[in-house]
Amino acid sequence: MSNDWPLRQDPESPVIFARALLEDPSQLAFVVLDDDDDWFISDGAEFDEDMDVNREQFGAVSLREAVELIPQLTALASLPTGMAADWDPDREAWLLSSVADSDDEAEDREIRDARIAAWQHSGSPVDEVQLSTGLTEIVAGGDAPVRAVRQVVREGDGTWLFVGFEVPEAEDFEVEGLELEHVVSLYPDVVTVLQAAPGQVFDRAEPGAEWELVEG
C-alpha cells in the first residue's frame, strides 16, 4: 500500500456507494464505518427491506474510487469503527455519531458483548457520554481547528462530560452524545483520567499537557 494513501483501509476494498453520488457527489449526506471497518456512503438513502430497491439505489466501488469522487472522506482517516458521520456542506464539516443498533439483534448483542469483554477501563464502552459539540465534528476544508479535550468531568451520578478547547472557560455550550469507547478512540489521551471518581474534575492548560485534578 502506498505511503501516500490517507486511509487505513485497503484502497481496493469494496465500498457500498449510492448510485446517485456517481452522477452528483455533491449530494453526499452521510457515511457509516461498520464494525468490520467497511464503508457505506450515501446520498441520504438507507437500506430497504426490498433487495431490488437496494440494488437500484446502491452499487459497489473501490475505496480509491470513492475517495476520488468524495475527497473529503480523507478527513475521516481516524474515524473508529461503529461510527457514522453526517456531511454538512455549508461548513465543510463531518458531524460524528455512534451507530445505532441494526435489525439483527443477535449480531448486535454479539458485537456488544465482545466490545465489553475487551474493554480495559472503568465503566462500559457502550455507555453514552456527553461531549461539547466541537469534539464531535471534523472540519474537512480549510484550516481545521484543534480538536482536543480540555476538561473531563465525572458527574456525581457517574456519567461523563468531555469539554474541548473550543469552549471558552465559564461559558455555556451545547453537547452531543457518543459512546465512551468512541471517545477514547478519538481522544486516547483521556484514558489516564478514566479512573476519576464521581464528583471529580480534571483539567489541563493546553493539548498534550498533564491532567490536573481541580475538583473532588
Protein backbone atom coordinates (compact mmCIF):
# COMPACT_ATOMS: atom_id res chain seq x y z
CA MET A 1 0.00 0.00 0.00
CA SER A 2 1.33 3.45 -0.92
CA ASN A 3 2.59 5.62 1.90
CA ASP A 4 0.58 8.43 0.30
CA TRP A 5 -2.72 6.63 0.79
CA PRO A 6 -4.55 8.58 3.56
CA LEU A 7 -6.88 5.88 4.93
CA ARG A 8 -6.09 2.74 6.93
CA GLN A 9 -8.36 0.53 4.79
CA ASP A 10 -7.05 -1.04 1.59
CA PRO A 11 -7.69 1.32 -1.35
CA GLU A 12 -9.09 -1.56 -3.39
CA SER A 13 -11.53 -2.69 -0.70
CA PRO A 14 -15.18 -2.56 -1.82
CA VAL A 15 -17.45 0.24 -0.66
CA ILE A 16 -21.24 0.34 -0.73
CA PHE A 17 -21.88 3.54 -2.63
CA ALA A 18 -25.11 5.35 -3.52
CA ARG A 19 -25.53 5.30 -7.29
CA ALA A 20 -26.80 8.90 -7.24
CA LEU A 21 -23.37 10.03 -5.99
CA LEU A 22 -21.69 8.64 -9.10
CA GLU A 23 -23.52 11.32 -11.08
CA ASP A 24 -23.52 14.05 -8.45
CA PRO A 25 -21.11 13.70 -5.49
CA SER A 26 -22.43 16.98 -4.06
CA GLN A 27 -25.50 15.02 -2.91
CA LEU A 28 -23.39 13.35 -0.21
CA ALA A 29 -25.38 13.05 3.03
CA PHE A 30 -23.66 10.61 5.38
CA VAL A 31 -21.23 7.74 5.74
CA VAL A 32 -21.10 4.76 8.08
CA LEU A 33 -17.98 2.81 9.04
CA ASP A 34 -19.32 -0.50 10.28
CA ASP A 35 -17.85 -2.86 12.87
CA ASP A 36 -15.94 -4.70 10.13
CA ASP A 37 -14.23 -1.42 9.09
CA ASP A 38 -16.21 -1.30 5.85
CA TRP A 39 -17.61 1.93 4.39
CA PHE A 40 -21.21 2.73 3.46
CA ILE A 41 -21.55 6.05 1.61
CA SER A 42 -24.98 7.51 0.94
CA ASP A 43 -26.88 10.42 -0.56
CA GLY A 44 -29.37 10.06 2.28
CA ALA A 45 -30.92 6.76 1.24
CA GLU A 46 -30.85 3.86 3.69
CA PHE A 47 -31.13 0.14 3.15
CA ASP A 48 -34.62 -1.07 2.34
CA GLU A 49 -36.20 -4.43 3.17
CA ASP A 50 -36.70 -4.86 -0.57
CA MET A 51 -33.40 -6.03 -2.06
CA ASP A 52 -34.45 -4.89 -5.54
CA VAL A 53 -34.73 -1.35 -4.17
CA ASN A 54 -31.28 -1.67 -2.62
CA ARG A 55 -29.78 -2.81 -5.90
CA GLU A 56 -31.34 0.19 -7.63
CA GLN A 57 -30.03 2.66 -5.05
CA PHE A 58 -26.60 1.24 -4.23
CA GLY A 59 -23.65 -0.32 -6.00
CA ALA A 60 -20.05 -1.15 -5.18
CA VAL A 61 -16.93 0.86 -5.96
CA SER A 62 -13.40 0.60 -4.63
CA LEU A 63 -12.45 2.83 -1.74
CA ARG A 64 -9.92 4.51 -4.04
CA GLU A 65 -12.72 5.42 -6.47
CA ALA A 66 -14.88 6.66 -3.59
CA VAL A 67 -12.10 8.98 -2.39
CA GLU A 68 -11.58 10.31 -5.92
CA LEU A 69 -15.27 11.20 -6.08
CA ILE A 70 -15.54 12.42 -2.47
CA PRO A 71 -12.09 13.60 -1.32
CA GLN A 72 -13.47 14.92 1.99
CA LEU A 73 -13.56 11.27 3.10
CA THR A 74 -9.86 11.58 3.89
CA ALA A 75 -10.71 13.81 6.86
CA LEU A 76 -12.22 10.68 8.46
CA ALA A 77 -8.95 8.74 8.46
CA SER A 78 -9.11 8.31 12.25
CA LEU A 79 -12.84 7.51 12.42
CA PRO A 80 -13.36 4.48 14.69
CA THR A 81 -15.45 1.54 13.53
CA GLY A 82 -19.09 1.60 14.55
CA MET A 83 -19.48 5.31 13.85
CA ALA A 84 -21.37 7.45 11.36
CA ALA A 85 -20.68 10.94 10.06
CA ASP A 86 -23.19 13.35 8.55
CA TRP A 87 -21.80 15.76 5.97
CA ASP A 88 -22.50 19.49 6.43
CA PRO A 89 -21.67 21.05 3.04
CA ASP A 90 -22.09 24.64 4.20
CA ARG A 91 -19.46 24.27 6.90
CA GLU A 92 -17.46 21.58 5.10
CA ALA A 93 -17.54 19.51 8.26
CA TRP A 94 -18.40 15.99 9.35
CA LEU A 95 -20.77 15.60 12.31
CA LEU A 96 -19.99 12.37 14.16
CA SER A 97 -22.33 9.94 15.90
CA SER A 98 -22.22 6.41 17.29
CA VAL A 99 -24.14 3.97 15.11
CA ALA A 100 -27.47 2.73 16.45
CA ASP A 101 -28.24 -0.99 16.63
CA SER A 102 -29.15 -2.78 13.41
CA ASP A 103 -32.12 -5.06 12.76
CA ASP A 104 -30.03 -8.13 13.63
CA GLU A 105 -30.41 -8.31 17.41
CA ALA A 106 -28.27 -11.42 17.81
CA GLU A 107 -25.37 -9.95 15.87
CA ASP A 108 -25.67 -6.63 17.72
CA ARG A 109 -25.56 -8.48 21.07
CA GLU A 110 -22.52 -10.48 19.97
CA ILE A 111 -20.63 -7.35 18.93
CA ARG A 112 -21.61 -5.52 22.12
CA ASP A 113 -20.53 -8.42 24.33
CA ALA A 114 -17.17 -8.61 22.53
CA ARG A 115 -16.60 -4.89 22.99
CA ILE A 116 -17.43 -5.08 26.70
CA ALA A 117 -15.15 -8.12 27.18
CA ALA A 118 -12.23 -6.31 25.54
CA TRP A 119 -12.73 -3.06 27.48
CA GLN A 120 -9.90 -2.41 29.95
CA HIS A 121 -11.14 0.77 31.63
CA SER A 122 -13.80 1.68 34.18
CA GLY A 123 -17.39 1.93 33.01
CA SER A 124 -18.68 0.34 29.82
CA PRO A 125 -17.53 1.05 26.25
CA VAL A 126 -21.17 1.36 25.15
CA ASP A 127 -22.11 3.94 27.79
CA GLU A 128 -23.31 7.15 26.17
CA VAL A 129 -21.31 10.17 27.36
CA GLN A 130 -21.64 13.88 26.65
CA LEU A 131 -19.14 16.00 24.72
CA SER A 132 -19.01 19.65 23.78
CA THR A 133 -20.21 19.85 20.18
CA GLY A 134 -16.82 20.75 18.70
CA LEU A 135 -15.40 17.40 19.81
CA THR A 136 -17.98 15.60 17.67
CA GLU A 137 -17.11 17.50 14.49
CA ILE A 138 -14.29 17.10 11.97
CA VAL A 139 -13.69 20.00 9.60
CA ALA A 140 -12.63 18.82 6.15
CA GLY A 141 -11.99 22.12 4.40
CA GLY A 142 -9.65 25.00 5.15
CA ASP A 143 -7.76 25.32 8.42
CA ALA A 144 -9.25 22.79 10.80
CA PRO A 145 -9.40 23.89 14.45
CA VAL A 146 -7.54 21.92 17.09
CA ARG A 147 -9.68 19.08 18.39
CA ALA A 148 -8.61 18.12 21.91
CA VAL A 149 -10.20 17.59 25.30
CA ARG A 150 -9.57 20.34 27.85
CA GLN A 151 -11.70 19.11 30.74
CA VAL A 152 -13.04 15.74 31.88
CA VAL A 153 -15.92 15.76 34.36
CA ARG A 154 -17.19 12.69 36.20
CA GLU A 155 -20.61 13.78 37.39
CA GLY A 156 -21.92 12.78 40.80
CA ASP A 157 -24.11 10.10 39.21
CA GLY A 158 -21.08 8.58 37.46
CA THR A 159 -21.83 9.94 33.99
CA TRP A 160 -19.13 11.63 31.90
CA LEU A 161 -18.71 15.03 30.27
CA PHE A 162 -15.79 15.90 27.97
CA VAL A 163 -15.17 19.54 27.10
CA GLY A 164 -12.95 20.68 24.25
CA PHE A 165 -10.59 23.63 23.94
CA GLU A 166 -13.03 25.24 21.51
CA VAL A 167 -15.20 26.13 24.53
CA PRO A 168 -14.13 29.28 26.42
CA GLU A 169 -13.98 28.73 30.16
CA ALA A 170 -17.09 29.66 32.16
CA GLU A 171 -19.28 29.84 29.03
CA ASP A 172 -22.36 27.79 28.25
CA PHE A 173 -22.05 25.26 25.44
CA GLU A 174 -24.04 22.63 23.58
CA VAL A 175 -23.34 18.93 23.95
CA GLU A 176 -23.71 15.79 21.83
CA GLY A 177 -23.62 12.13 22.80
CA LEU A 178 -21.14 9.43 21.76
CA GLU A 179 -20.31 6.02 23.17
CA LEU A 180 -17.40 6.04 25.61
CA GLU A 181 -15.26 3.69 23.52
CA HIS A 182 -15.56 6.02 20.55
CA VAL A 183 -14.47 8.97 22.67
CA VAL A 184 -11.39 7.04 23.81
CA SER A 185 -10.59 6.08 20.21
CA LEU A 186 -10.89 9.68 19.03
CA TYR A 187 -9.10 11.18 22.05
CA PRO A 188 -6.83 8.49 23.52
CA ASP A 189 -5.14 10.86 25.97
CA VAL A 190 -8.28 10.84 28.16
CA VAL A 191 -7.54 7.24 29.16
CA THR A 192 -5.41 8.30 32.13
CA VAL A 193 -8.34 10.09 33.79
CA LEU A 194 -10.97 7.41 33.29
CA GLN A 195 -10.27 6.29 36.85
CA ALA A 196 -11.92 9.51 38.07
CA ALA A 197 -14.36 9.06 40.93
CA PRO A 198 -17.86 10.59 40.78
CA GLY A 199 -17.61 14.32 41.50
CA GLN A 200 -14.05 14.70 40.24
CA VAL A 201 -12.98 17.13 37.51
CA PHE A 202 -9.70 17.02 35.59
CA ASP A 203 -8.39 19.95 33.58
CA ARG A 204 -5.30 20.93 31.59
CA ALA A 205 -3.87 24.15 30.22
CA GLU A 206 -3.16 23.05 26.66
CA PRO A 207 -3.43 19.99 24.41
CA GLY A 208 -0.89 17.35 25.42
CA ALA A 209 -0.32 18.80 28.89
CA GLU A 210 -0.62 16.72 32.06
CA TRP A 211 -4.07 16.40 33.58
CA GLU A 212 -4.66 18.20 36.88
CA LEU A 213 -7.32 17.29 39.41
CA VAL A 214 -9.18 20.59 40.02
CA GLU A 215 -12.25 19.36 41.86
CA GLY A 216 -13.10 16.42 44.08
